[in-house]
Amino acid sequence: MDANVPSKAKFQATRRRLVVLRLMAVVMAVCVTLLLAEAGLRLVGYSPAYLNAMGSFHEADQITGHRGKRDFSARFKTPQFDTLVVHNERGFRQQEHENPEPSTAHRLFVFGDSFVWGWGVSQGEVFTDQLSRKLPDWHVENLGINGTGTVAQYELFSAECRDSLTPGDVVLLTFFGNDFTDNVEGARRATIQDGKVVTLPADSPLRGGWQRMLQESSYLFNCLSYVVNRWQLDRRLRRAHEQAVVLAAAAEVEYAKKAEAQHALAAAIPQVPASTTAVLGDTTAASAPPIASTESEADLSPAAADSAVSPDDSPPQIVVTRHFLEKWKQDCDRHQVRFLVAYVPGVAELDEGGNAAMAMEERALRQTFFYCADSLGIDVIDLLPEMLAAKKSGGIDQLLIPADGHWNAVGHGIVADIVAARLPGASMARR
């Protein structure tokens, strides 16, 4: 019995070695396969591409929550487009044409989200590039960051632009309807505490550095990440469509309630005739004050607007947004520079897609924004009328990237024309 012990121990040791050898063989086979796949992608000319713009083109930032990677370039590829994106040393979209600051008479600082960043268009096609070509006397700086709202953009303005402003400069802020939500839910957001608007610390949602390193250094990991991100995008789009169907039915009911309440409120405010009021609301179905038409715009002074509905009566999205728009204007007035806000129309407003629920939402967001801007006396460039006019006069079918919603290269060109026409004048057409 004792003589068999060494033989059993030897057998078990041999068995363990075989298991280890087999595991090593599997690991080596996997490594060789991965190396061959990596080499194959490089040999066939695979070009690294990114679908997740937020996670791929941006990095964490203490001021805005995130900003573009500095000195970074890569292809941005989705089912709708495939384009090259280049960032400068500050992490903003690199302009292919930028008039030197010392030799120009004016400076324009442009803030915004993906529309300013240039989502889906190639280098040199972004409207800030096109503005620089159209206006040789202007030095234009693109300070757009994807996925940011008015709060994050104001913090960026305060940190990198405000103190260097000089009389004669112009600050242009673009505003899209989803900024209302970004201002209270984004990486850099604000909340209401004890009746006051409080800015919260930046909270970046971006992933860890090792994933970024692999995605940028390995063609294979980049390819696999792209496939996974494409699947996630398709899933989100399906879920968004399902939710839109449900919201459409609920919106019709809520819209009818708002219309009835609006007529009652209009009757109680003599300076705003009921015939000129419009239904005001947002996606949270919150109550809000009426907005005057163009003809009676002078009747709705800031004091009258504030007395009509107090901040406590409005949802946080409106209170926070109006608060920061006011801070923008106050800072620019203090530095004797012109402050403009360009309102970006939605897909349904431009008649390039959407459904009844989307059209209703875009209308409500538009009217909510104009209430905030009008009550503060802010100069607004409403891009919608002239974009529609340009489509009609120029026989243009699309100003937006199909199934995407961002401006295409032609759309950026139209926006550049609209903004350029406003800059030389001393006054601004409100709407």
Protein backbone atom coordinates (compact mmCIF):
# COMPACT_ATOMS: atom_id res chain seq x y z
CA MET A 1 0.00 0.00 0.00
CA ASP A 2 2.82 2.36 0.92
CA ALA A 3 4.64 1.51 -2.34
CA ASN A 4 1.77 2.92 -4.36
CA VAL A 5 1.88 6.37 -2.72
CA PRO A 6 4.88 7.65 -4.75
CA SER A 7 3.34 6.39 -7.98
CA LYS A 8 0.03 8.16 -7.21
CA ALA A 9 1.78 11.39 -6.32
CA LYS A 10 3.83 11.14 -9.50
CA PHE A 11 0.68 10.52 -11.52
CA GLN A 12 -1.09 13.51 -10.00
CA ALA A 13 1.94 15.74 -10.57
CA THR A 14 2.10 14.60 -14.18
CA ARG A 15 -1.61 15.28 -14.58
CA ARG A 16 -1.25 18.80 -13.19
CA ARG A 17 1.62 19.48 -15.59
CA LEU A 18 -0.52 18.33 -18.50
CA VAL A 19 -3.36 20.62 -17.42
CA VAL A 20 -0.97 23.55 -17.11
CA LEU A 21 0.56 22.77 -20.51
CA ARG A 22 -2.86 22.58 -22.11
CA LEU A 23 -3.90 25.88 -20.56
CA MET A 24 -0.67 27.46 -21.76
CA ALA A 25 -1.31 26.08 -25.23
CA VAL A 26 -4.80 27.57 -25.24
CA VAL A 27 -3.52 30.94 -24.05
CA MET A 28 -0.77 30.91 -26.67
CA ALA A 29 -3.26 29.95 -29.36
CA VAL A 30 -5.55 32.80 -28.34
CA CYS A 31 -2.63 35.25 -28.28
CA VAL A 32 -1.42 34.11 -31.69
CA THR A 33 -4.95 34.41 -33.07
CA LEU A 34 -5.30 37.91 -31.68
CA LEU A 35 -1.91 38.92 -33.05
CA LEU A 36 -2.78 37.51 -36.46
CA ALA A 37 -6.11 39.33 -36.40
CA GLU A 38 -4.36 42.56 -35.40
CA ALA A 39 -1.77 42.13 -38.15
CA GLY A 40 -4.47 41.22 -40.66
CA LEU A 41 -6.47 44.36 -39.96
CA ARG A 42 -3.38 46.49 -40.40
CA LEU A 43 -2.36 44.72 -43.61
CA VAL A 44 -5.78 45.04 -45.26
CA GLY A 45 -5.81 48.76 -44.53
CA TYR A 46 -8.40 48.91 -41.76
CA SER A 47 -8.86 52.49 -40.57
CA PRO A 48 -9.69 52.83 -36.85
CA ALA A 49 -13.12 54.37 -36.43
CA TYR A 50 -15.35 55.40 -33.56
CA LEU A 51 -19.12 55.35 -33.21
CA ASN A 52 -19.43 56.48 -29.59
CA ALA A 53 -18.45 60.14 -29.90
CA MET A 54 -18.67 60.84 -26.19
CA GLY A 55 -16.52 57.95 -25.03
CA SER A 56 -14.07 58.04 -27.93
CA PHE A 57 -13.42 61.71 -28.71
CA HIS A 58 -13.66 63.12 -25.19
CA GLU A 59 -11.96 62.94 -21.82
CA ALA A 60 -12.91 63.92 -18.28
CA ASP A 61 -12.71 67.59 -17.40
CA GLN A 62 -13.21 69.34 -14.06
CA ILE A 63 -14.85 72.39 -15.59
CA THR A 64 -17.40 70.96 -18.00
CA GLY A 65 -17.43 67.28 -16.99
CA HIS A 66 -15.80 66.34 -20.27
CA ARG A 67 -14.15 67.97 -23.25
CA GLY A 68 -12.46 66.85 -26.44
CA LYS A 69 -9.17 64.96 -26.26
CA ARG A 70 -6.33 67.31 -26.90
CA ASP A 71 -4.31 66.90 -30.12
CA PHE A 72 -6.46 63.94 -31.17
CA SER A 73 -7.68 62.84 -34.59
CA ALA A 74 -9.75 59.84 -35.66
CA ARG A 75 -12.57 58.81 -37.96
CA PHE A 76 -16.12 59.29 -36.73
CA LYS A 77 -18.17 56.59 -38.43
CA THR A 78 -21.88 55.88 -38.08
CA PRO A 79 -24.45 54.30 -40.41
CA GLN A 80 -25.05 57.83 -41.78
CA PHE A 81 -21.52 59.17 -42.31
CA ASP A 82 -17.79 58.50 -42.15
CA THR A 83 -15.69 61.60 -41.51
CA LEU A 84 -12.39 62.71 -40.02
CA VAL A 85 -12.40 64.68 -36.77
CA VAL A 86 -9.33 66.61 -35.59
CA HIS A 87 -8.98 68.34 -32.21
CA ASN A 88 -6.54 71.12 -31.44
CA GLU A 89 -4.24 71.46 -28.43
CA ARG A 90 -7.14 72.76 -26.30
CA GLY A 91 -9.44 69.85 -27.11
CA PHE A 92 -11.78 71.76 -29.44
CA ARG A 93 -12.53 71.04 -33.09
CA GLN A 94 -9.56 72.08 -35.18
CA GLN A 95 -10.53 74.76 -37.68
CA GLU A 96 -9.01 74.33 -41.10
CA HIS A 97 -9.44 78.03 -41.78
CA GLU A 98 -8.95 80.50 -38.93
CA ASN A 99 -8.10 84.14 -39.43
CA PRO A 100 -5.13 85.17 -37.23
CA GLU A 101 -6.25 87.14 -34.20
CA PRO A 102 -3.72 90.01 -34.36
CA SER A 103 -4.66 90.86 -37.96
CA THR A 104 -8.44 90.84 -37.52
CA ALA A 105 -10.68 93.64 -36.33
CA HIS A 106 -13.23 91.52 -34.50
CA ARG A 107 -13.42 88.35 -32.44
CA LEU A 108 -16.30 85.86 -32.28
CA PHE A 109 -16.43 83.15 -29.60
CA VAL A 110 -18.89 80.35 -30.38
CA PHE A 111 -20.23 78.02 -27.66
CA GLY A 112 -22.55 75.07 -27.99
CA ASP A 113 -22.85 71.31 -28.19
CA SER A 114 -22.55 68.83 -31.06
CA PHE A 115 -23.87 71.32 -33.63
CA VAL A 116 -20.93 73.64 -32.94
CA TRP A 117 -18.49 70.74 -32.57
CA GLY A 118 -19.44 69.69 -36.09
CA TRP A 119 -21.11 66.31 -35.66
CA GLY A 120 -21.00 64.33 -38.89
CA VAL A 121 -19.23 66.84 -41.12
CA SER A 122 -15.64 66.84 -42.32
CA GLN A 123 -12.81 69.15 -41.39
CA GLY A 124 -13.35 72.59 -42.90
CA GLU A 125 -17.13 72.12 -43.27
CA VAL A 126 -18.13 73.26 -39.77
CA PHE A 127 -19.96 76.60 -39.83
CA THR A 128 -17.21 78.29 -37.79
CA ASP A 129 -14.75 77.41 -40.58
CA GLN A 130 -17.15 78.73 -43.17
CA LEU A 131 -17.67 81.91 -41.14
CA SER A 132 -13.92 82.51 -41.11
CA ARG A 133 -13.80 82.23 -44.89
CA LYS A 134 -16.76 84.56 -45.34
CA LEU A 135 -15.53 87.13 -42.80
CA PRO A 136 -11.79 87.77 -43.21
CA ASP A 137 -11.96 90.58 -40.63
CA TRP A 138 -13.21 88.21 -37.93
CA HIS A 139 -11.27 85.82 -35.74
CA VAL A 140 -13.68 82.95 -35.00
CA GLU A 141 -13.09 80.44 -32.20
CA ASN A 142 -15.03 77.17 -32.02
CA LEU A 143 -15.58 76.21 -28.36
CA GLY A 144 -18.22 73.53 -28.89
CA ILE A 145 -18.30 70.36 -26.76
CA ASN A 146 -20.60 67.41 -27.40
CA GLY A 147 -23.30 66.61 -24.90
CA THR A 148 -23.12 69.85 -22.93
CA GLY A 149 -25.85 72.28 -21.95
CA THR A 150 -25.98 75.94 -21.02
CA VAL A 151 -24.59 75.29 -17.52
CA ALA A 152 -21.44 73.49 -18.71
CA GLN A 153 -20.97 75.97 -21.54
CA TYR A 154 -21.22 78.89 -19.12
CA GLU A 155 -18.59 77.33 -16.85
CA LEU A 156 -16.33 76.96 -19.88
CA PHE A 157 -17.01 80.56 -20.88
CA SER A 158 -16.17 81.74 -17.36
CA ALA A 159 -12.94 79.76 -17.19
CA GLU A 160 -11.46 80.33 -20.63
CA CYS A 161 -13.06 83.32 -22.29
CA ARG A 162 -14.82 85.84 -20.05
CA ASP A 163 -11.83 87.60 -18.52
CA SER A 164 -10.14 88.09 -21.90
CA LEU A 165 -13.14 89.78 -23.55
CA THR A 166 -12.70 93.29 -24.89
CA PRO A 167 -15.29 95.76 -26.21
CA GLY A 168 -16.23 94.86 -29.76
CA ASP A 169 -16.07 91.10 -29.24
CA VAL A 170 -19.15 88.95 -29.85
CA VAL A 171 -20.17 85.86 -27.88
CA LEU A 172 -22.48 83.47 -29.72
CA LEU A 173 -24.25 80.73 -27.78
CA THR A 174 -26.22 78.08 -29.65
CA PHE A 175 -29.23 76.57 -27.91
CA PHE A 176 -31.00 73.32 -28.75
CA GLY A 177 -34.12 72.00 -27.07
CA ASN A 178 -32.35 69.20 -25.18
CA ASP A 179 -30.26 71.81 -23.36
CA PHE A 180 -33.13 72.22 -20.91
CA THR A 181 -32.58 68.62 -19.78
CA ASP A 182 -28.77 68.76 -20.01
CA ASN A 183 -28.81 71.72 -17.62
CA VAL A 184 -30.25 69.59 -14.81
CA GLU A 185 -29.04 66.10 -15.76
CA GLY A 186 -25.74 66.57 -17.63
CA ALA A 187 -22.19 65.96 -16.48
CA ARG A 188 -22.05 69.62 -15.38
CA ARG A 189 -25.46 70.64 -14.14
CA ALA A 190 -27.27 72.76 -11.60
CA THR A 191 -30.07 72.18 -9.14
CA ILE A 192 -32.39 74.23 -6.98
CA GLN A 193 -31.68 74.24 -3.25
CA ASP A 194 -33.65 76.43 -0.82
CA GLY A 195 -35.02 78.42 -3.71
CA LYS A 196 -31.57 79.15 -5.19
CA VAL A 197 -29.84 77.78 -8.28
CA VAL A 198 -26.72 75.87 -7.23
CA THR A 199 -24.09 74.58 -9.66
CA LEU A 200 -22.98 71.04 -8.86
CA PRO A 201 -19.42 69.71 -9.29
CA ALA A 202 -18.60 68.08 -12.60
CA ASP A 203 -19.43 64.39 -12.77
CA SER A 204 -17.81 62.76 -15.79
CA PRO A 205 -19.43 59.56 -17.11
CA LEU A 206 -16.44 58.61 -19.24
CA ARG A 207 -14.85 55.17 -18.93
CA GLY A 208 -11.43 54.28 -17.56
CA GLY A 209 -8.11 54.92 -19.21
CA TRP A 210 -7.17 51.32 -20.03
CA GLN A 211 -10.11 50.97 -22.40
CA ARG A 212 -9.18 54.20 -24.12
CA MET A 213 -5.58 53.05 -24.45
CA LEU A 214 -6.59 49.72 -26.01
CA GLN A 215 -9.10 51.34 -28.35
CA GLU A 216 -6.51 53.82 -29.60
CA SER A 217 -3.55 51.43 -29.81
CA SER A 218 -5.19 48.20 -30.98
CA TYR A 219 -6.96 47.95 -34.32
CA LEU A 220 -8.63 44.74 -33.20
CA PHE A 221 -9.99 46.22 -29.97
CA ASN A 222 -11.09 49.28 -31.93
CA CYS A 223 -12.98 47.06 -34.39
CA LEU A 224 -14.65 45.04 -31.63
CA SER A 225 -15.59 48.21 -29.75
CA TYR A 226 -17.14 49.64 -32.90
CA VAL A 227 -19.27 46.51 -33.41
CA VAL A 228 -20.47 46.58 -29.79
CA ASN A 229 -21.24 50.31 -29.95
CA ARG A 230 -23.19 49.81 -33.19
CA TRP A 231 -25.31 47.12 -31.50
CA GLN A 232 -25.90 49.40 -28.51
CA LEU A 233 -26.92 52.26 -30.79
CA ASP A 234 -29.44 50.12 -32.66
CA ARG A 235 -30.89 48.97 -29.35
CA ARG A 236 -31.22 52.54 -28.05
CA LEU A 237 -32.93 53.66 -31.24
CA ARG A 238 -35.47 50.86 -31.00
CA ARG A 239 -36.17 51.70 -27.37
CA ALA A 240 -36.48 55.41 -28.17
CA HIS A 241 -39.00 54.63 -30.90
CA GLU A 242 -41.09 52.53 -28.54
CA GLN A 243 -41.05 55.32 -25.94
CA ALA A 244 -42.02 57.92 -28.54
CA VAL A 245 -45.14 55.96 -29.41
CA VAL A 246 -46.18 55.93 -25.75
CA LEU A 247 -45.32 59.62 -25.25
CA ALA A 248 -47.27 60.68 -28.33
CA ALA A 249 -50.53 59.46 -26.83
CA ALA A 250 -49.79 61.05 -23.46
CA ALA A 251 -48.70 64.31 -25.09
CA GLU A 252 -52.02 64.73 -26.88
CA VAL A 253 -53.90 64.55 -23.58
CA GLU A 254 -51.45 66.89 -21.82
CA TYR A 255 -51.51 69.33 -24.73
CA ALA A 256 -55.29 69.65 -24.48
CA LYS A 257 -55.03 70.29 -20.73
CA LYS A 258 -52.38 72.96 -21.25
CA ALA A 259 -54.44 74.72 -23.91
CA GLU A 260 -57.41 74.94 -21.58
CA ALA A 261 -55.27 76.21 -18.70
CA GLN A 262 -53.52 78.67 -21.01
CA HIS A 263 -56.75 80.33 -22.05
CA ALA A 264 -57.68 80.78 -18.40
CA LEU A 265 -54.27 82.26 -17.58
CA ALA A 266 -54.32 84.57 -20.61
CA ALA A 267 -57.65 85.98 -19.53
CA ALA A 268 -56.10 86.96 -16.17
CA ILE A 269 -53.21 88.88 -17.80
CA PRO A 270 -54.61 91.98 -19.54
CA GLN A 271 -51.31 93.08 -21.11
CA VAL A 272 -51.12 89.90 -23.19
CA PRO A 273 -54.23 89.50 -25.39
CA ALA A 274 -55.57 85.97 -25.42
CA SER A 275 -55.52 85.94 -29.22
CA THR A 276 -51.74 86.36 -29.24
CA THR A 277 -50.81 83.82 -26.61
CA ALA A 278 -49.40 80.39 -27.37
CA VAL A 279 -49.28 77.19 -25.42
CA LEU A 280 -46.04 76.84 -23.51
CA GLY A 281 -44.62 73.65 -22.10
CA ASP A 282 -41.81 71.13 -22.13
CA THR A 283 -41.30 67.38 -22.08
CA THR A 284 -41.92 67.30 -18.34
CA ALA A 285 -45.45 68.62 -18.83
CA ALA A 286 -44.78 71.54 -16.47
CA SER A 287 -46.75 74.76 -16.33
CA ALA A 288 -45.24 77.91 -17.79
CA PRO A 289 -46.25 81.46 -18.69
CA PRO A 290 -47.65 82.60 -22.04
CA ILE A 291 -45.37 84.02 -24.68
CA ALA A 292 -46.35 87.07 -26.69
CA SER A 293 -46.41 87.09 -30.45
CA THR A 294 -44.12 89.34 -32.48
CA GLU A 295 -46.75 92.08 -32.69
CA SER A 296 -47.29 92.26 -28.91
CA GLU A 297 -43.74 91.45 -27.90
CA ALA A 298 -43.18 94.89 -26.35
CA ASP A 299 -46.14 94.34 -24.04
CA LEU A 300 -44.42 91.46 -22.28
CA SER A 301 -41.67 93.28 -20.43
CA PRO A 302 -39.27 91.31 -18.18
CA ALA A 303 -41.11 92.59 -15.11
CA ALA A 304 -44.48 91.57 -16.50
CA ALA A 305 -43.14 88.17 -17.51
CA ASP A 306 -41.68 87.55 -14.07
CA SER A 307 -44.88 88.60 -12.36
CA ALA A 308 -46.94 86.33 -14.57
CA VAL A 309 -45.31 83.17 -13.29
CA SER A 310 -42.72 83.06 -10.53
CA PRO A 311 -39.68 80.71 -10.72
CA ASP A 312 -41.33 78.51 -8.10
CA ASP A 313 -44.13 77.84 -10.57
CA SER A 314 -41.76 76.62 -13.28
CA PRO A 315 -39.91 73.28 -13.48
CA PRO A 316 -36.17 73.15 -12.67
CA GLN A 317 -35.24 72.93 -16.36
CA ILE A 318 -36.72 76.38 -17.02
CA VAL A 319 -35.51 78.00 -13.81
CA VAL A 320 -31.92 76.79 -14.25
CA THR A 321 -31.78 77.64 -17.95
CA ARG A 322 -33.13 81.14 -17.45
CA HIS A 323 -30.72 81.71 -14.54
CA PHE A 324 -27.65 80.88 -16.63
CA LEU A 325 -28.85 82.77 -19.70
CA GLU A 326 -29.12 85.79 -17.41
CA LYS A 327 -25.56 85.22 -16.12
CA TRP A 328 -24.26 85.04 -19.70
CA LYS A 329 -25.93 88.32 -20.57
CA GLN A 330 -24.79 90.08 -17.40
CA ASP A 331 -21.16 89.03 -17.93
CA CYS A 332 -21.19 90.16 -21.55
CA ASP A 333 -22.86 93.47 -20.68
CA ARG A 334 -20.26 94.04 -17.98
CA HIS A 335 -17.46 93.57 -20.53
CA GLN A 336 -19.30 95.63 -23.18
CA VAL A 337 -19.49 92.79 -25.65
CA ARG A 338 -22.44 91.61 -27.69
CA PHE A 339 -24.21 88.44 -26.56
CA LEU A 340 -26.23 86.49 -29.11
CA VAL A 341 -28.10 83.21 -28.82
CA ALA A 342 -28.87 81.17 -31.93
CA TYR A 343 -31.86 78.87 -31.47
CA VAL A 344 -31.36 75.56 -33.29
CA PRO A 345 -34.56 74.17 -34.87
CA GLY A 346 -35.51 70.51 -34.60
CA VAL A 347 -36.04 67.83 -37.21
CA ALA A 348 -39.82 68.25 -37.36
CA GLU A 349 -39.57 72.05 -37.52
CA LEU A 350 -37.36 71.77 -40.59
CA ASP A 351 -39.77 69.23 -42.08
CA GLU A 352 -37.07 66.57 -42.39
CA GLY A 353 -38.62 63.79 -40.32
CA GLY A 354 -40.19 63.24 -36.94
CA ASN A 355 -43.76 62.57 -35.96
CA ALA A 356 -46.64 64.39 -34.31
CA ALA A 357 -45.22 63.86 -30.83
CA MET A 358 -41.82 65.23 -31.87
CA ALA A 359 -43.40 68.25 -33.54
CA MET A 360 -45.39 69.01 -30.41
CA GLU A 361 -42.30 68.66 -28.22
CA GLU A 362 -40.19 70.91 -30.45
CA ARG A 363 -42.89 73.58 -30.46
CA ALA A 364 -43.14 73.51 -26.68
CA LEU A 365 -39.36 73.70 -26.23
CA ARG A 366 -39.12 76.59 -28.69
CA GLN A 367 -41.77 78.63 -26.91
CA THR A 368 -40.23 77.88 -23.53
CA PHE A 369 -36.84 79.10 -24.74
CA PHE A 370 -38.26 82.28 -26.23
CA TYR A 371 -40.07 83.03 -22.99
CA CYS A 372 -36.71 82.85 -21.17
CA ALA A 373 -34.88 84.92 -23.78
CA ASP A 374 -37.59 87.56 -24.18
CA SER A 375 -38.00 88.02 -20.45
CA LEU A 376 -34.26 88.75 -20.22
CA GLY A 377 -34.04 90.97 -23.28
CA ILE A 378 -31.56 88.63 -25.02
CA ASP A 379 -30.84 89.05 -28.73
CA VAL A 380 -31.82 85.85 -30.50
CA ILE A 381 -31.05 84.51 -33.94
CA ASP A 382 -33.91 82.20 -34.81
CA LEU A 383 -32.33 79.97 -37.43
CA LEU A 384 -35.61 78.34 -38.47
CA PRO A 385 -37.19 80.95 -40.81
CA GLU A 386 -34.04 81.53 -42.84
CA MET A 387 -33.13 77.84 -42.99
CA LEU A 388 -36.60 77.10 -44.37
CA ALA A 389 -36.30 80.02 -46.79
CA ALA A 390 -32.90 78.79 -47.97
CA LYS A 391 -34.31 75.32 -48.59
CA LYS A 392 -37.16 76.76 -50.63
CA SER A 393 -35.19 79.29 -52.65
CA GLY A 394 -32.25 77.00 -53.27
CA GLY A 395 -34.22 73.86 -54.02
CA ILE A 396 -32.43 72.07 -51.17
CA ASP A 397 -33.91 68.80 -49.97
CA GLN A 398 -31.83 68.21 -46.84
CA LEU A 399 -30.09 70.49 -44.37
CA LEU A 400 -29.79 67.64 -41.85
CA ILE A 401 -27.99 64.32 -41.91
CA PRO A 402 -30.75 61.76 -42.63
CA ALA A 403 -31.86 59.71 -39.61
CA ASP A 404 -29.47 61.74 -37.45
CA GLY A 405 -30.77 65.28 -36.92
CA HIS A 406 -27.50 67.23 -37.08
CA TRP A 407 -26.67 69.72 -39.83
CA ASN A 408 -24.98 68.38 -42.93
CA ALA A 409 -22.31 70.41 -44.74
CA VAL A 410 -24.97 72.40 -46.62
CA GLY A 411 -26.78 73.10 -43.36
CA HIS A 412 -23.57 74.39 -41.79
CA GLY A 413 -23.11 76.66 -44.80
CA ILE A 414 -26.62 78.10 -44.42
CA VAL A 415 -26.06 78.70 -40.70
CA ALA A 416 -22.77 80.44 -41.49
CA ASP A 417 -24.63 82.74 -43.91
CA ILE A 418 -27.30 83.54 -41.31
CA VAL A 419 -24.80 84.34 -38.57
CA ALA A 420 -22.51 86.31 -40.90
CA ALA A 421 -25.41 88.53 -41.96
CA ARG A 422 -26.08 89.42 -38.32
CA LEU A 423 -22.55 90.22 -37.19
CA PRO A 424 -21.68 93.44 -39.04
CA GLY A 425 -24.90 95.24 -37.96
CA ALA A 426 -25.32 97.18 -34.74
CA SER A 427 -28.66 95.60 -33.91
CA MET A 428 -30.19 92.14 -34.04
CA ALA A 429 -33.50 91.04 -35.53
CA ARG A 430 -35.22 89.28 -32.63
CA ARG A 431 -37.26 86.70 -34.54
